[in-house]
Every structure is written in structure tokens, then in C-alpha cells.
Amino acid sequence: MLLPYTDFMTDEEVIRFEDYLGNEEPLEPFTLQEIAELEEKKEKHFQKLKQFQDEILEKYLNEVVKQQDSQFF
């Protein structure tokens, strides 16, 4: 079974999530509070990834501009 993206979860949370996906009656189901906390962790994680991606893109574009400028001057 393919799991959704779980890099933001602890090992324990991943195990519980696998159990939740694989069983009609999971051994330790998530509470609504835990689900809300996981959603918040996921959102923060994706914000960090987006920020990192933006920083890398900016550095790359700056380098391309420098190289193009050096060719003209």
C-alpha cells in the first residue's frame, strides 16, 4: 500500500497511520485533536519546503544572471 507523504510525522505517528489505513478498526485511532496537530505539522513542513525551494530558485536565477552579465561585458 502506498502511503501519502509522511516525512513530517514521527515514526510512531507513521506506524499508527499505517495501522489506520490498513484496518477497519485500528488499534489506536487518531483523535480529532491529534489529526488537527498533524495537519498543522504538515502545513509547517510544506511551508519550510516551499521556502527552501524558493531560496534555491533565487540562487540559481542570480547565478544565471551573473553568467549572462559576464558574457556581455
Foldseek 3Di string as FASTA:
>chain_A
DDDDDDPLDDPVVVVQVVQVVPDPDRPDDDDPVRVVVVVVSVVVVVVVVVVVVVVVVVVVVVVVVVVVVVVVD
